[in-house]
C-alpha cells in the first residue's frame, strides 16, 4: 500500500497560497471609482474584488443592514398574513394572492 505524505502544516499551507506577485494596471478615474464602489458593496477590498473578478469567481453584493432589517419585517408580516389566510380569518384575500406576493418579493431580492 502506498504511504501518503503527512498533511501540510498551517504555515506550509499559508506559504503555498502567499500572494507575492503584483500586477499593475492603469484605469480611468471613473473605472477606479466604479471598482471601488463594487468592492465596497461586496464587502471586499479592491484587491480581493479584482482578484475574484479576474479569476471568474462569483462576487455577491452584500445586502445593506437596513434593507436586511426591512426585508425581515416584510417577511414577518407575510408569515402572519399567510397564517391568517390559512385559518380563514382573512376575508377577501386568497392564498394564491399571498403566494404571488411572496414570489414577487423573492424575485426582487434576487
N, C-alpha and C. Protein backbone atom coordinates (compact mmCIF):
# COMPACT_ATOMS: atom_id res chain seq x y z
N UNK A 1 0.84 -1.17 0.00
CA UNK A 1 0.00 0.00 0.00
C UNK A 1 0.90 1.24 0.00
N UNK A 2 0.52 2.24 -0.80
CA UNK A 2 1.32 3.46 -0.91
C UNK A 2 1.15 4.33 0.33
N UNK A 3 2.25 4.82 0.83
CA UNK A 3 2.20 5.66 2.03
C UNK A 3 1.95 7.11 1.62
N UNK A 4 0.98 7.74 2.27
CA UNK A 4 0.65 9.12 1.98
C UNK A 4 1.55 10.06 2.75
N UNK A 5 1.87 11.23 2.17
CA UNK A 5 2.69 12.20 2.90
C UNK A 5 1.87 12.80 4.05
N UNK A 6 2.54 13.27 5.09
CA UNK A 6 1.81 13.88 6.21
C UNK A 6 1.10 15.15 5.74
N UNK A 7 0.00 15.51 6.39
CA UNK A 7 -0.70 16.72 6.00
C UNK A 7 0.18 17.95 6.19
N UNK A 8 0.00 18.93 5.33
CA UNK A 8 0.79 20.15 5.41
C UNK A 8 0.39 20.95 6.65
N UNK A 9 1.38 21.57 7.26
CA UNK A 9 1.10 22.41 8.42
C UNK A 9 0.44 23.70 7.95
N UNK A 10 -0.11 24.44 8.89
CA UNK A 10 -0.78 25.70 8.56
C UNK A 10 0.21 26.66 7.91
N UNK A 11 1.43 26.71 8.42
CA UNK A 11 2.43 27.62 7.84
C UNK A 11 2.81 27.19 6.42
N UNK A 12 2.85 25.89 6.16
CA UNK A 12 3.14 25.41 4.80
C UNK A 12 2.00 25.74 3.85
N UNK A 13 0.77 25.62 4.33
CA UNK A 13 -0.39 25.97 3.51
C UNK A 13 -0.40 27.46 3.21
N UNK A 14 -0.08 28.28 4.20
CA UNK A 14 -0.05 29.73 4.01
C UNK A 14 1.02 30.11 3.00
N UNK A 15 2.18 29.45 3.08
CA UNK A 15 3.28 29.75 2.15
C UNK A 15 2.89 29.38 0.72
N UNK A 16 2.12 28.32 0.57
CA UNK A 16 1.72 27.88 -0.76
C UNK A 16 0.72 28.83 -1.40
N UNK A 17 -0.02 29.56 -0.60
CA UNK A 17 -1.03 30.49 -1.13
C UNK A 17 -0.65 31.94 -0.92
N UNK A 18 0.59 32.20 -0.52
CA UNK A 18 1.04 33.58 -0.28
C UNK A 18 0.95 34.38 -1.57
N UNK A 19 0.52 35.61 -1.44
CA UNK A 19 0.37 36.49 -2.59
C UNK A 19 1.64 37.33 -2.71
N UNK A 20 2.57 36.85 -3.52
CA UNK A 20 3.86 37.52 -3.65
C UNK A 20 4.00 38.28 -4.96
N UNK A 21 3.17 38.00 -5.91
CA UNK A 21 3.28 38.64 -7.23
C UNK A 21 2.34 39.83 -7.32
N UNK A 22 2.72 40.82 -8.15
CA UNK A 22 1.91 42.02 -8.33
C UNK A 22 1.66 42.23 -9.83
N UNK A 23 0.51 42.80 -10.13
CA UNK A 23 0.20 43.21 -11.49
C UNK A 23 -0.25 44.67 -11.40
N UNK A 24 0.36 45.51 -12.21
CA UNK A 24 -0.04 46.92 -12.24
C UNK A 24 -0.93 47.17 -13.43
N UNK A 25 -1.87 48.10 -13.29
CA UNK A 25 -2.70 48.47 -14.42
C UNK A 25 -3.12 49.92 -14.28
N UNK A 26 -3.46 50.52 -15.40
CA UNK A 26 -3.92 51.89 -15.41
C UNK A 26 -5.43 51.89 -15.65
N UNK A 27 -6.10 52.78 -14.93
CA UNK A 27 -7.56 52.90 -15.03
C UNK A 27 -7.94 54.37 -15.16
N UNK A 28 -9.09 54.60 -15.73
CA UNK A 28 -9.62 55.96 -15.69
C UNK A 28 -10.14 56.21 -14.27
N UNK A 29 -10.32 57.45 -13.93
CA UNK A 29 -10.85 57.80 -12.61
C UNK A 29 -12.23 57.18 -12.44
N UNK A 30 -13.04 57.22 -13.49
CA UNK A 30 -14.39 56.66 -13.41
C UNK A 30 -14.36 55.15 -13.18
N UNK A 31 -13.47 54.45 -13.90
CA UNK A 31 -13.37 53.00 -13.72
C UNK A 31 -12.90 52.66 -12.30
N UNK A 32 -11.94 53.41 -11.80
CA UNK A 32 -11.44 53.16 -10.44
C UNK A 32 -12.55 53.34 -9.42
N UNK A 33 -13.32 54.41 -9.56
CA UNK A 33 -14.43 54.65 -8.62
C UNK A 33 -15.48 53.55 -8.71
N UNK A 34 -15.75 53.09 -9.92
CA UNK A 34 -16.73 52.02 -10.10
C UNK A 34 -16.25 50.74 -9.41
N UNK A 35 -14.99 50.40 -9.62
CA UNK A 35 -14.43 49.19 -8.99
C UNK A 35 -14.44 49.32 -7.48
N UNK A 36 -14.06 50.48 -6.96
CA UNK A 36 -14.06 50.69 -5.51
C UNK A 36 -15.47 50.57 -4.94
N UNK A 37 -16.45 51.13 -5.64
CA UNK A 37 -17.84 51.04 -5.17
C UNK A 37 -18.34 49.60 -5.18
N UNK A 38 -18.03 48.87 -6.24
CA UNK A 38 -18.46 47.47 -6.32
C UNK A 38 -17.79 46.62 -5.24
N UNK A 39 -16.51 46.88 -5.00
CA UNK A 39 -15.80 46.14 -3.95
C UNK A 39 -16.43 46.42 -2.59
N UNK A 40 -16.75 47.67 -2.34
CA UNK A 40 -17.37 48.05 -1.07
C UNK A 40 -18.72 47.37 -0.90
N UNK A 41 -19.54 47.37 -1.97
CA UNK A 41 -20.86 46.73 -1.89
C UNK A 41 -20.74 45.23 -1.65
N UNK A 42 -19.65 44.63 -2.12
CA UNK A 42 -19.43 43.19 -1.93
C UNK A 42 -18.75 42.89 -0.59
N UNK A 43 -18.34 43.95 0.11
CA UNK A 43 -17.66 43.74 1.39
C UNK A 43 -16.23 43.23 1.22
N UNK A 44 -15.60 43.59 0.11
CA UNK A 44 -14.24 43.12 -0.20
C UNK A 44 -13.30 44.30 -0.36
N UNK A 45 -12.01 44.02 -0.19
CA UNK A 45 -11.02 45.03 -0.53
C UNK A 45 -10.98 45.11 -2.06
N UNK A 46 -10.41 46.19 -2.58
CA UNK A 46 -10.31 46.33 -4.04
C UNK A 46 -9.48 45.18 -4.61
N UNK A 47 -8.38 44.84 -3.94
CA UNK A 47 -7.54 43.74 -4.42
C UNK A 47 -8.29 42.42 -4.47
N UNK A 48 -9.02 42.10 -3.39
CA UNK A 48 -9.79 40.85 -3.37
C UNK A 48 -10.87 40.86 -4.44
N UNK A 49 -11.53 42.02 -4.61
CA UNK A 49 -12.58 42.13 -5.62
C UNK A 49 -12.00 41.87 -7.02
N UNK A 50 -10.90 42.54 -7.33
CA UNK A 50 -10.31 42.39 -8.66
C UNK A 50 -9.77 40.98 -8.88
N UNK A 51 -9.19 40.39 -7.85
CA UNK A 51 -8.67 39.02 -7.96
C UNK A 51 -9.81 38.06 -8.27
N UNK A 52 -10.89 38.17 -7.52
CA UNK A 52 -12.04 37.27 -7.75
C UNK A 52 -12.63 37.49 -9.13
N UNK A 53 -12.77 38.75 -9.53
CA UNK A 53 -13.34 39.04 -10.85
C UNK A 53 -12.45 38.47 -11.96
N UNK A 54 -11.15 38.66 -11.83
CA UNK A 54 -10.22 38.18 -12.86
C UNK A 54 -10.18 36.66 -12.94
N UNK A 55 -10.39 35.99 -11.80
CA UNK A 55 -10.35 34.53 -11.78
C UNK A 55 -11.71 33.89 -12.04
N UNK A 56 -12.71 34.74 -12.35
CA UNK A 56 -14.04 34.23 -12.69
C UNK A 56 -14.82 33.69 -11.50
N UNK A 57 -14.45 34.11 -10.31
CA UNK A 57 -15.18 33.66 -9.12
C UNK A 57 -16.43 34.49 -8.93
N UNK A 58 -17.40 33.93 -8.26
CA UNK A 58 -18.65 34.62 -8.00
C UNK A 58 -18.44 35.73 -6.98
N UNK A 59 -18.98 36.89 -7.29
CA UNK A 59 -18.91 38.03 -6.38
C UNK A 59 -20.35 38.42 -6.06
N UNK A 60 -20.68 38.38 -4.78
CA UNK A 60 -22.04 38.66 -4.36
C UNK A 60 -22.06 39.96 -3.56
N UNK A 61 -22.94 40.86 -3.97
CA UNK A 61 -23.09 42.09 -3.20
C UNK A 61 -23.75 41.78 -1.87
N UNK A 62 -23.28 42.40 -0.85
CA UNK A 62 -23.88 42.22 0.47
C UNK A 62 -25.13 43.08 0.56
N UNK A 63 -26.12 42.56 1.24
CA UNK A 63 -27.35 43.32 1.44
C UNK A 63 -27.10 44.30 2.57
N UNK A 64 -27.37 45.59 2.34
CA UNK A 64 -27.17 46.57 3.41
C UNK A 64 -28.01 46.20 4.64
N UNK A 65 -27.48 46.43 5.84
CA UNK A 65 -28.18 46.05 7.07
C UNK A 65 -29.59 46.63 7.17
N UNK A 66 -29.77 47.89 6.73
CA UNK A 66 -31.11 48.49 6.82
C UNK A 66 -32.10 47.78 5.90
N UNK A 67 -31.63 47.34 4.72
CA UNK A 67 -32.52 46.61 3.80
C UNK A 67 -32.81 45.23 4.36
N UNK A 68 -31.80 44.58 4.94
CA UNK A 68 -31.99 43.26 5.54
C UNK A 68 -33.05 43.34 6.63
N UNK A 69 -33.00 44.39 7.45
CA UNK A 69 -33.97 44.56 8.53
C UNK A 69 -35.37 44.77 7.96
N UNK A 70 -35.46 45.58 6.91
CA UNK A 70 -36.76 45.86 6.28
C UNK A 70 -37.34 44.59 5.65
N UNK A 71 -36.50 43.84 4.97
CA UNK A 71 -36.97 42.59 4.34
C UNK A 71 -37.43 41.60 5.41
N UNK A 72 -36.72 41.56 6.53
CA UNK A 72 -37.13 40.69 7.63
C UNK A 72 -38.50 41.07 8.16
N UNK A 73 -38.75 42.38 8.28
CA UNK A 73 -40.05 42.85 8.77
C UNK A 73 -41.16 42.48 7.77
N UNK A 74 -40.87 42.65 6.49
CA UNK A 74 -41.86 42.29 5.46
C UNK A 74 -42.14 40.79 5.52
N UNK A 75 -41.09 40.01 5.68
CA UNK A 75 -41.26 38.55 5.78
C UNK A 75 -42.12 38.16 6.97
N UNK A 76 -41.90 38.81 8.11
CA UNK A 76 -42.72 38.53 9.29
C UNK A 76 -44.18 38.86 9.02
N UNK A 77 -44.43 40.00 8.38
CA UNK A 77 -45.81 40.38 8.06
C UNK A 77 -46.45 39.37 7.12
N UNK A 78 -45.68 38.92 6.11
CA UNK A 78 -46.22 37.93 5.18
C UNK A 78 -46.55 36.62 5.89
N UNK A 79 -45.69 36.21 6.81
CA UNK A 79 -45.96 34.99 7.57
C UNK A 79 -47.25 35.12 8.37
N UNK A 80 -47.44 36.26 9.01
CA UNK A 80 -48.66 36.47 9.80
C UNK A 80 -49.89 36.45 8.90
N UNK A 81 -49.80 37.13 7.74
CA UNK A 81 -50.93 37.13 6.81
C UNK A 81 -51.22 35.74 6.27
N UNK A 82 -50.18 34.98 6.00
CA UNK A 82 -50.36 33.62 5.50
C UNK A 82 -51.06 32.75 6.53
N UNK A 83 -50.65 32.87 7.80
CA UNK A 83 -51.32 32.10 8.86
C UNK A 83 -52.79 32.46 8.96
N UNK A 84 -53.08 33.75 8.89
CA UNK A 84 -54.47 34.18 8.96
C UNK A 84 -55.27 33.67 7.76
N UNK A 85 -54.67 33.72 6.57
CA UNK A 85 -55.37 33.25 5.37
C UNK A 85 -55.64 31.75 5.46
N UNK A 86 -54.67 30.98 5.93
CA UNK A 86 -54.86 29.54 6.07
C UNK A 86 -55.95 29.23 7.10
N UNK A 87 -56.06 30.07 8.11
CA UNK A 87 -57.08 29.85 9.14
C UNK A 87 -58.44 30.37 8.71
N UNK A 88 -58.52 31.00 7.52
CA UNK A 88 -59.80 31.53 7.04
C UNK A 88 -60.19 32.82 7.73
N UNK A 89 -59.25 33.49 8.37
CA UNK A 89 -59.55 34.71 9.12
C UNK A 89 -59.17 35.97 8.34
N UNK A 90 -58.90 35.82 7.07
CA UNK A 90 -58.52 36.96 6.26
C UNK A 90 -59.44 37.01 5.05
N UNK A 91 -60.64 37.57 5.24
CA UNK A 91 -61.63 37.57 4.16
C UNK A 91 -61.16 38.39 2.96
N UNK A 92 -61.47 37.89 1.78
CA UNK A 92 -61.18 38.61 0.56
C UNK A 92 -59.77 38.41 0.02
N UNK A 93 -58.90 37.75 0.75
CA UNK A 93 -57.54 37.53 0.27
C UNK A 93 -57.30 36.03 0.21
N UNK A 94 -56.95 35.56 -0.97
CA UNK A 94 -56.71 34.14 -1.14
C UNK A 94 -55.24 33.80 -0.98
N UNK A 95 -55.00 32.53 -0.77
CA UNK A 95 -53.63 32.03 -0.64
C UNK A 95 -52.84 32.32 -1.91
N UNK A 96 -53.52 32.23 -3.06
CA UNK A 96 -52.82 32.47 -4.33
C UNK A 96 -52.26 33.88 -4.39
N UNK A 97 -53.04 34.86 -3.92
CA UNK A 97 -52.58 36.25 -3.93
C UNK A 97 -51.36 36.43 -3.02
N UNK A 98 -51.39 35.79 -1.87
CA UNK A 98 -50.25 35.87 -0.96
C UNK A 98 -49.02 35.19 -1.54
N UNK A 99 -49.22 34.03 -2.15
CA UNK A 99 -48.11 33.32 -2.77
C UNK A 99 -47.49 34.15 -3.89
N UNK A 100 -48.33 34.80 -4.67
CA UNK A 100 -47.84 35.66 -5.75
C UNK A 100 -47.02 36.82 -5.18
N UNK A 101 -47.50 37.40 -4.09
CA UNK A 101 -46.78 38.50 -3.43
C UNK A 101 -45.41 38.04 -2.93
N UNK A 102 -45.38 36.87 -2.33
CA UNK A 102 -44.11 36.31 -1.84
C UNK A 102 -43.16 36.07 -3.00
N UNK A 103 -43.65 35.50 -4.09
CA UNK A 103 -42.81 35.23 -5.26
C UNK A 103 -42.24 36.52 -5.84
N UNK A 104 -43.07 37.57 -5.92
CA UNK A 104 -42.59 38.85 -6.43
C UNK A 104 -41.51 39.43 -5.54
N UNK A 105 -41.70 39.32 -4.22
CA UNK A 105 -40.71 39.82 -3.28
C UNK A 105 -39.39 39.06 -3.43
N UNK A 106 -39.46 37.75 -3.52
CA UNK A 106 -38.25 36.94 -3.67
C UNK A 106 -37.53 37.25 -4.98
N UNK A 107 -38.30 37.43 -6.05
CA UNK A 107 -37.72 37.76 -7.35
C UNK A 107 -37.01 39.10 -7.29
N UNK A 108 -37.60 40.06 -6.61
CA UNK A 108 -37.00 41.38 -6.46
C UNK A 108 -35.69 41.29 -5.69
N UNK A 109 -35.64 40.46 -4.68
CA UNK A 109 -34.44 40.35 -3.85
C UNK A 109 -33.30 39.64 -4.57
N UNK A 110 -33.63 38.81 -5.54
CA UNK A 110 -32.58 38.11 -6.28
C UNK A 110 -31.95 39.08 -7.22
